[in-house]
Amino acid sequence: MMRYVFMCRSLTYAQSAARVLEKNAISASVKKAPTGLSGSGCSYSVSVSYIKGTAAAGVLRREGLLQGKVFLRHDDGSHTEVIL
């Protein structure tokens, strides 16, 4: 299943982003950033379903929490950077 992955600079920011998304009826999960997507090994990400990606980007932008790159995770596990 394709998912959008929003990169965050810390666990705290990722948790805040996930909390805001959940309050806006968008299911989100916090995970370590996928290997190769972050410049440092300590980045975290928030993942949402493909159909909720645009809405999630809008919520995060409105709340000032859209701070990093956004990737689309394909069914084969590969990632493509996207702009939402």
PDB file of N, CA and C in Angstrom:
ATOM      1  N   MET A   1       0.843  -1.179   0.000  1.00  0.00           N
ATOM      2  CA  MET A   1       0.000   0.000   0.000  1.00  0.00           C
ATOM      3  C   MET A   1       0.892   1.247   0.000  1.00  0.00           C
ATOM      4  N   MET A   2       0.635   2.157  -0.906  1.00  0.00           N
ATOM      5  CA  MET A   2       1.429   3.383  -0.969  1.00  0.00           C
ATOM      6  C   MET A   2       1.078   4.292   0.208  1.00  0.00           C
ATOM      7  N   ARG A   3       2.122   4.958   0.722  1.00  0.00           N
ATOM      8  CA  ARG A   3       1.948   5.859   1.857  1.00  0.00           C
ATOM      9  C   ARG A   3       2.826   7.089   1.643  1.00  0.00           C
ATOM     10  N   TYR A   4       2.411   8.197   2.241  1.00  0.00           N
ATOM     11  CA  TYR A   4       3.248   9.387   2.262  1.00  0.00           C
ATOM     12  C   TYR A   4       4.063   9.380   3.541  1.00  0.00           C
ATOM     13  N   VAL A   5       5.328   9.769   3.416  1.00  0.00           N
ATOM     14  CA  VAL A   5       6.247   9.807   4.544  1.00  0.00           C
ATOM     15  C   VAL A   5       6.726  11.248   4.700  1.00  0.00           C
ATOM     16  N   PHE A   6       6.391  11.854   5.835  1.00  0.00           N
ATOM     17  CA  PHE A   6       6.794  13.227   6.140  1.00  0.00           C
ATOM     18  C   PHE A   6       8.002  13.169   7.068  1.00  0.00           C
ATOM     19  N   MET A   7       9.119  13.711   6.621  1.00  0.00           N
ATOM     20  CA  MET A   7      10.341  13.678   7.421  1.00  0.00           C
ATOM     21  C   MET A   7      10.276  14.737   8.523  1.00  0.00           C
ATOM     22  N   CYS A   8      10.788  14.378   9.693  1.00  0.00           N
ATOM     23  CA  CYS A   8      10.830  15.284  10.843  1.00  0.00           C
ATOM     24  C   CYS A   8      12.241  15.273  11.414  1.00  0.00           C
ATOM     25  N   ARG A   9      12.664  16.386  11.981  1.00  0.00           N
ATOM     26  CA  ARG A   9      14.041  16.471  12.458  1.00  0.00           C
ATOM     27  C   ARG A   9      14.262  15.829  13.818  1.00  0.00           C
ATOM     28  N   SER A  10      13.190  15.525  14.525  1.00  0.00           N
ATOM     29  CA  SER A  10      13.355  14.889  15.834  1.00  0.00           C
ATOM     30  C   SER A  10      12.120  14.067  16.176  1.00  0.00           C
ATOM     31  N   LEU A  11      12.281  13.218  17.161  1.00  0.00           N
ATOM     32  CA  LEU A  11      11.158  12.414  17.633  1.00  0.00           C
ATOM     33  C   LEU A  11      10.049  13.309  18.174  1.00  0.00           C
ATOM     34  N   THR A  12      10.415  14.370  18.872  1.00  0.00           N
ATOM     35  CA  THR A  12       9.423  15.286  19.443  1.00  0.00           C
ATOM     36  C   THR A  12       8.560  15.914  18.350  1.00  0.00           C
ATOM     37  N   TYR A  13       9.194  16.386  17.267  1.00  0.00           N
ATOM     38  CA  TYR A  13       8.427  16.979  16.165  1.00  0.00           C
ATOM     39  C   TYR A  13       7.541  15.939  15.490  1.00  0.00           C
ATOM     40  N   ALA A  14       8.055  14.732  15.324  1.00  0.00           N
ATOM     41  CA  ALA A  14       7.263  13.670  14.701  1.00  0.00           C
ATOM     42  C   ALA A  14       6.044  13.334  15.559  1.00  0.00           C
ATOM     43  N   GLN A  15       6.234  13.251  16.860  1.00  0.00           N
ATOM     44  CA  GLN A  15       5.113  12.965  17.759  1.00  0.00           C
ATOM     45  C   GLN A  15       4.092  14.095  17.737  1.00  0.00           C
ATOM     46  N   SER A  16       4.557  15.334  17.706  1.00  0.00           N
ATOM     47  CA  SER A  16       3.642  16.481  17.631  1.00  0.00           C
ATOM     48  C   SER A  16       2.851  16.451  16.328  1.00  0.00           C
ATOM     49  N   ALA A  17       3.529  16.158  15.234  1.00  0.00           N
ATOM     50  CA  ALA A  17       2.858  16.091  13.934  1.00  0.00           C
ATOM     51  C   ALA A  17       1.804  14.986  13.928  1.00  0.00           C
ATOM     52  N   ALA A  18       2.143  13.830  14.447  1.00  0.00           N
ATOM     53  CA  ALA A  18       1.187  12.714  14.482  1.00  0.00           C
ATOM     54  C   ALA A  18      -0.018  13.056  15.345  1.00  0.00           C
ATOM     55  N   ARG A  19       0.220  13.719  16.458  1.00  0.00           N
ATOM     56  CA  ARG A  19      -0.875  14.113  17.357  1.00  0.00           C
ATOM     57  C   ARG A  19      -1.833  15.072  16.655  1.00  0.00           C
ATOM     58  N   VAL A  20      -1.284  16.063  15.965  1.00  0.00           N
ATOM     59  CA  VAL A  20      -2.110  17.037  15.240  1.00  0.00           C
ATOM     60  C   VAL A  20      -2.911  16.340  14.138  1.00  0.00           C
ATOM     61  N   LEU A  21      -2.286  15.424  13.441  1.00  0.00           N
ATOM     62  CA  LEU A  21      -2.992  14.703  12.382  1.00  0.00           C
ATOM     63  C   LEU A  21      -4.122  13.857  12.953  1.00  0.00           C
ATOM     64  N   GLU A  22      -3.862  13.170  14.046  1.00  0.00           N
ATOM     65  CA  GLU A  22      -4.899  12.341  14.681  1.00  0.00           C
ATOM     66  C   GLU A  22      -6.086  13.202  15.124  1.00  0.00           C
ATOM     67  N   LYS A  23      -5.802  14.399  15.641  1.00  0.00           N
ATOM     68  CA  LYS A  23      -6.882  15.305  16.058  1.00  0.00           C
ATOM     69  C   LYS A  23      -7.718  15.771  14.873  1.00  0.00           C
ATOM     70  N   ASN A  24      -7.145  15.675  13.673  1.00  0.00           N
ATOM     71  CA  ASN A  24      -7.849  16.057  12.446  1.00  0.00           C
ATOM     72  C   ASN A  24      -8.330  14.838  11.666  1.00  0.00           C
ATOM     73  N   ALA A  25      -8.508  13.734  12.363  1.00  0.00           N
ATOM     74  CA  ALA A  25      -9.052  12.490  11.794  1.00  0.00           C
ATOM     75  C   ALA A  25      -8.190  11.895  10.680  1.00  0.00           C
ATOM     76  N   ILE A  26      -6.865  12.073  10.808  1.00  0.00           N
ATOM     77  CA  ILE A  26      -5.932  11.466   9.860  1.00  0.00           C
ATOM     78  C   ILE A  26      -5.034  10.521  10.643  1.00  0.00           C
ATOM     79  N   SER A  27      -5.170   9.242  10.389  1.00  0.00           N
ATOM     80  CA  SER A  27      -4.372   8.238  11.079  1.00  0.00           C
ATOM     81  C   SER A  27      -2.909   8.365  10.661  1.00  0.00           C
ATOM     82  N   ALA A  28      -2.008   8.408  11.647  1.00  0.00           N
ATOM     83  CA  ALA A  28      -0.589   8.601  11.371  1.00  0.00           C
ATOM     84  C   ALA A  28       0.247   7.717  12.283  1.00  0.00           C
ATOM     85  N   SER A  29       1.409   7.309  11.783  1.00  0.00           N
ATOM     86  CA  SER A  29       2.321   6.521  12.608  1.00  0.00           C
ATOM     87  C   SER A  29       3.705   7.154  12.580  1.00  0.00           C
ATOM     88  N   VAL A  30       4.379   7.115  13.725  1.00  0.00           N
ATOM     89  CA  VAL A  30       5.728   7.662  13.874  1.00  0.00           C
ATOM     90  C   VAL A  30       6.722   6.511  13.795  1.00  0.00           C
ATOM     91  N   LYS A  31       7.755   6.700  12.971  1.00  0.00           N
ATOM     92  CA  LYS A  31       8.789   5.674  12.816  1.00  0.00           C
ATOM     93  C   LYS A  31      10.132   6.344  12.599  1.00  0.00           C
ATOM     94  N   LYS A  32      11.199   5.582  12.797  1.00  0.00           N
ATOM     95  CA  LYS A  32      12.520   6.071  12.406  1.00  0.00           C
ATOM     96  C   LYS A  32      12.473   6.322  10.907  1.00  0.00           C
ATOM     97  N   ALA A  33      13.213   7.315  10.470  1.00  0.00           N
ATOM     98  CA  ALA A  33      13.235   7.630   9.040  1.00  0.00           C
ATOM     99  C   ALA A  33      13.787   6.440   8.262  1.00  0.00           C
ATOM    100  N   PRO A  34      13.191   6.141   7.119  1.00  0.00           N
ATOM    101  CA  PRO A  34      13.700   5.035   6.302  1.00  0.00           C
ATOM    102  C   PRO A  34      15.171   5.248   5.939  1.00  0.00           C
ATOM    103  N   THR A  35      15.917   4.168   5.910  1.00  0.00           N
ATOM    104  CA  THR A  35      17.337   4.221   5.582  1.00  0.00           C
ATOM    105  C   THR A  35      17.552   4.905   4.234  1.00  0.00           C
ATOM    106  N   GLY A  36      18.483   5.832   4.216  1.00  0.00           N
ATOM    107  CA  GLY A  36      18.825   6.513   2.979  1.00  0.00           C
ATOM    108  C   GLY A  36      18.040   7.781   2.702  1.00  0.00           C
ATOM    109  N   LEU A  37      17.002   8.056   3.488  1.00  0.00           N
ATOM    110  CA  LEU A  37      16.196   9.254   3.230  1.00  0.00           C
ATOM    111  C   LEU A  37      16.622  10.447   4.070  1.00  0.00           C
ATOM    112  N   SER A  38      17.374  10.192   5.126  1.00  0.00           N
ATOM    113  CA  SER A  38      17.789  11.305   5.985  1.00  0.00           C
ATOM    114  C   SER A  38      19.305  11.433   5.946  1.00  0.00           C
ATOM    115  N   GLY A  39      19.760  12.651   6.105  1.00  0.00           N
ATOM    116  CA  GLY A  39      21.191  12.895   6.119  1.00  0.00           C
ATOM    117  C   GLY A  39      21.848  12.376   7.383  1.00  0.00           C
ATOM    118  N   SER A  40      21.090  12.328   8.463  1.00  0.00           N
ATOM    119  CA  SER A  40      21.620  11.824   9.727  1.00  0.00           C
ATOM    120  C   SER A  40      20.809  10.608  10.148  1.00  0.00           C
ATOM    121  N   GLY A  41      21.367   9.823  11.006  1.00  0.00           N
ATOM    122  CA  GLY A  41      20.697   8.599  11.425  1.00  0.00           C
ATOM    123  C   GLY A  41      19.652   8.792  12.501  1.00  0.00           C
ATOM    124  N   CYS A  42      19.427  10.024  12.934  1.00  0.00           N
ATOM    125  CA  CYS A  42      18.523  10.234  14.064  1.00  0.00           C
ATOM    126  C   CYS A  42      17.215  10.914  13.668  1.00  0.00           C
ATOM    127  N   SER A  43      16.882  10.899  12.403  1.00  0.00           N
ATOM    128  CA  SER A  43      15.631  11.515  11.962  1.00  0.00           C
ATOM    129  C   SER A  43      14.461  10.560  12.143  1.00  0.00           C
ATOM    130  N   TYR A  44      13.291  11.141  12.261  1.00  0.00           N
ATOM    131  CA  TYR A  44      12.057  10.368  12.381  1.00  0.00           C
ATOM    132  C   TYR A  44      11.102  10.802  11.287  1.00  0.00           C
ATOM    133  N   SER A  45      10.074  10.007  11.089  1.00  0.00           N
ATOM    134  CA  SER A  45       9.097  10.329  10.054  1.00  0.00           C
ATOM    135  C   SER A  45       7.693  10.027  10.546  1.00  0.00           C
ATOM    136  N   VAL A  46       6.741  10.658   9.876  1.00  0.00           N
ATOM    137  CA  VAL A  46       5.324  10.408  10.125  1.00  0.00           C
ATOM    138  C   VAL A  46       4.755   9.875   8.817  1.00  0.00           C
ATOM    139  N   SER A  47       4.073   8.761   8.908  1.00  0.00           N
ATOM    140  CA  SER A  47       3.533   8.092   7.732  1.00  0.00           C
ATOM    141  C   SER A  47       2.010   8.153   7.740  1.00  0.00           C
ATOM    142  N   VAL A  48       1.432   8.480   6.579  1.00  0.00           N
ATOM    143  CA  VAL A  48      -0.030   8.510   6.433  1.00  0.00           C
ATOM    144  C   VAL A  48      -0.411   7.785   5.147  1.00  0.00           C
ATOM    145  N   SER A  49      -1.661   7.382   5.051  1.00  0.00           N
ATOM    146  CA  SER A  49      -2.123   6.674   3.857  1.00  0.00           C
ATOM    147  C   SER A  49      -2.062   7.586   2.630  1.00  0.00           C
ATOM    148  N   TYR A  50      -1.997   6.953   1.475  1.00  0.00           N
ATOM    149  CA  TYR A  50      -1.915   7.679   0.212  1.00  0.00           C
ATOM    150  C   TYR A  50      -3.100   8.627   0.032  1.00  0.00           C
ATOM    151  N   ILE A  51      -4.287   8.176   0.363  1.00  0.00           N
ATOM    152  CA  ILE A  51      -5.475   9.008   0.127  1.00  0.00           C
ATOM    153  C   ILE A  51      -5.570  10.193   1.083  1.00  0.00           C
ATOM    154  N   LYS A  52      -4.821  10.165   2.183  1.00  0.00           N
ATOM    155  CA  LYS A  52      -4.851  11.263   3.157  1.00  0.00           C
ATOM    156  C   LYS A  52      -3.643  12.189   3.043  1.00  0.00           C
ATOM    157  N   GLY A  53      -2.758  11.939   2.099  1.00  0.00           N
ATOM    158  CA  GLY A  53      -1.513  12.691   1.996  1.00  0.00           C
ATOM    159  C   GLY A  53      -1.684  14.189   1.808  1.00  0.00           C
ATOM    160  N   THR A  54      -2.524  14.590   0.877  1.00  0.00           N
ATOM    161  CA  THR A  54      -2.726  16.015   0.611  1.00  0.00           C
ATOM    162  C   THR A  54      -3.357  16.711   1.807  1.00  0.00           C
ATOM    163  N   ALA A  55      -4.329  16.067   2.420  1.00  0.00           N
ATOM    164  CA  ALA A  55      -4.973  16.642   3.610  1.00  0.00           C
ATOM    165  C   ALA A  55      -3.972  16.756   4.751  1.00  0.00           C
ATOM    166  N   ALA A  56      -3.135  15.733   4.924  1.00  0.00           N
ATOM    167  CA  ALA A  56      -2.128  15.752   5.990  1.00  0.00           C
ATOM    168  C   ALA A  56      -1.138  16.893   5.775  1.00  0.00           C
ATOM    169  N   ALA A  57      -0.701  17.085   4.538  1.00  0.00           N
ATOM    170  CA  ALA A  57       0.227  18.178   4.242  1.00  0.00           C
ATOM    171  C   ALA A  57      -0.404  19.524   4.578  1.00  0.00           C
ATOM    172  N   GLY A  58      -1.676  19.691   4.262  1.00  0.00           N
ATOM    173  CA  GLY A  58      -2.372  20.939   4.579  1.00  0.00           C
ATOM    174  C   GLY A  58      -2.453  21.197   6.070  1.00  0.00           C
ATOM    175  N   VAL A  59      -2.763  20.162   6.834  1.00  0.00           N
ATOM    176  CA  VAL A  59      -2.848  20.300   8.293  1.00  0.00           C
ATOM    177  C   VAL A  59      -1.476  20.636   8.865  1.00  0.00           C
ATOM    178  N   LEU A  60      -0.454  19.908   8.448  1.00  0.00           N
ATOM    179  CA  LEU A  60       0.895  20.153   8.972  1.00  0.00           C
ATOM    180  C   LEU A  60       1.399  21.538   8.585  1.00  0.00           C
ATOM    181  N   ARG A  61       1.100  21.977   7.381  1.00  0.00           N
ATOM    182  CA  ARG A  61       1.506  23.323   6.937  1.00  0.00           C
ATOM    183  C   ARG A  61       0.810  24.387   7.787  1.00  0.00           C
ATOM    184  N   ARG A  62      -0.484  24.214   8.004  1.00  0.00           N
ATOM    185  CA  ARG A  62      -1.269  25.169   8.800  1.00  0.00           C
ATOM    186  C   ARG A  62      -0.741  25.271  10.226  1.00  0.00           C
ATOM    187  N   GLU A  63      -0.281  24.154  10.778  1.00  0.00           N
ATOM    188  CA  GLU A  63       0.202  24.115  12.161  1.00  0.00           C
ATOM    189  C   GLU A  63       1.699  24.409  12.282  1.00  0.00           C
ATOM    190  N   GLY A  64       2.352  24.691  11.164  1.00  0.00           N
ATOM    191  CA  GLY A  64       3.782  24.989  11.187  1.00  0.00           C
ATOM    192  C   GLY A  64       4.656  23.769  11.436  1.00  0.00           C
ATOM    193  N   LEU A  65       4.150  22.586  11.118  1.00  0.00           N
ATOM    194  CA  LEU A  65       4.888  21.352  11.379  1.00  0.00           C
ATOM    195  C   LEU A  65       5.374  20.656  10.110  1.00  0.00           C
ATOM    196  N   LEU A  66       5.152  21.263   8.960  1.00  0.00           N
ATOM    197  CA  LEU A  66       5.663  20.692   7.714  1.00  0.00           C
ATOM    198  C   LEU A  66       7.051  21.282   7.512  1.00  0.00           C
ATOM    199  N   GLN A  67       8.067  20.576   7.994  1.00  0.00           N
ATOM    200  CA  GLN A  67       9.406  21.148   8.068  1.00  0.00           C
ATOM    201  C   GLN A  67      10.448  20.421   7.237  1.00  0.00           C
ATOM    202  N   GLY A  68      10.138  19.229   6.777  1.00  0.00           N
ATOM    203  CA  GLY A  68      11.128  18.447   6.038  1.00  0.00           C
ATOM    204  C   GLY A  68      10.598  17.981   4.700  1.00  0.00           C
ATOM    205  N   LYS A  69      11.351  17.103   4.097  1.00  0.00           N
ATOM    206  CA  LYS A  69      10.963  16.551   2.802  1.00  0.00           C
ATOM    207  C   LYS A  69       9.783  15.600   2.956  1.00  0.00           C
ATOM    208  N   VAL A  70       9.084  15.388   1.855  1.00  0.00           N
ATOM    209  CA  VAL A  70       7.958  14.455   1.819  1.00  0.00           C
ATOM    210  C   VAL A  70       8.259  13.426   0.733  1.00  0.00           C
ATOM    211  N   PHE A  71       8.040  12.167   1.065  1.00  0.00           N
ATOM    212  CA  PHE A  71       8.286  11.082   0.128  1.00  0.00           C
ATOM    213  C   PHE A  71       7.028  10.252  -0.048  1.00  0.00           C
ATOM    214  N   LEU A  72       6.915   9.655  -1.208  1.00  0.00           N
ATOM    215  CA  LEU A  72       5.864   8.681  -1.472  1.00  0.00           C
ATOM    216  C   LEU A  72       6.528   7.313  -1.431  1.00  0.00           C
ATOM    217  N   ARG A  73       6.038   6.456  -0.520  1.00  0.00           N
ATOM    218  CA  ARG A  73       6.565   5.093  -0.418  1.00  0.00           C
ATOM    219  C   ARG A  73       5.721   4.210  -1.326  1.00  0.00           C
ATOM    220  N   HIS A  74       6.378   3.608  -2.300  1.00  0.00           N
ATOM    221  CA  HIS A  74       5.696   2.757  -3.272  1.00  0.00           C
ATOM    222  C   HIS A  74       5.515   1.345  -2.724  1.00  0.00           C
ATOM    223  N   ASP A  75       4.671   0.579  -3.381  1.00  0.00           N
ATOM    224  CA  ASP A  75       4.389  -0.791  -2.956  1.00  0.00           C
ATOM    225  C   ASP A  75       5.640  -1.664  -2.911  1.00  0.00           C
ATOM    226  N   ASP A  76       6.627  -1.364  -3.748  1.00  0.00           N
ATOM    227  CA  ASP A  76       7.849  -2.172  -3.773  1.00  0.00           C
ATOM    228  C   ASP A  76       8.867  -1.734  -2.720  1.00  0.00           C
ATOM    229  N   GLY A  77       8.512  -0.732  -1.892  1.00  0.00           N
ATOM    230  CA  GLY A  77       9.398  -0.261  -0.825  1.00  0.00           C
ATOM    231  C   GLY A  77      10.294   0.895  -1.222  1.00  0.00           C
ATOM    232  N   SER A  78      10.291   1.282  -2.485  1.00  0.00           N
ATOM    233  CA  SER A  78      11.103   2.418  -2.920  1.00  0.00           C
ATOM    234  C   SER A  78      10.403   3.725  -2.543  1.00  0.00           C
ATOM    235  N   HIS A  79      11.176   4.806  -2.525  1.00  0.00           N
ATOM    236  CA  HIS A  79      10.655   6.122  -2.153  1.00  0.00           C
ATOM    237  C   HIS A  79      10.956   7.131  -3.252  1.00  0.00           C
ATOM    238  N   THR A  80      10.019   8.044  -3.476  1.00  0.00           N
ATOM    239  CA  THR A  80      10.181   9.142  -4.419  1.00  0.00           C
ATOM    240  C   THR A  80       9.840  10.434  -3.691  1.00  0.00           C
ATOM    241  N   GLU A  81      10.737  11.423  -3.781  1.00  0.00           N
ATOM    242  CA  GLU A  81      10.440  12.715  -3.160  1.00  0.00           C
ATOM    243  C   GLU A  81       9.320  13.401  -3.937  1.00  0.00           C
ATOM    244  N   VAL A  82       8.375  13.978  -3.204  1.00  0.00           N
ATOM    245  CA  VAL A  82       7.233  14.654  -3.817  1.00  0.00           C
ATOM    246  C   VAL A  82       7.035  16.018  -3.173  1.00  0.00           C
ATOM    247  N   ILE A  83       6.255  16.846  -3.825  1.00  0.00           N
ATOM    248  CA  ILE A  83       5.862  18.146  -3.282  1.00  0.00           C
ATOM    249  C   ILE A  83       4.349  18.148  -3.163  1.00  0.00           C
ATOM    250  N   LEU A  84       3.862  18.372  -1.961  1.00  0.00           N
ATOM    251  CA  LEU A  84       2.411  18.421  -1.729  1.00  0.00           C
ATOM    252  C   LEU A  84       1.991  19.826  -1.381  1.00  0.00           C
TER     253      LEU A  84
END
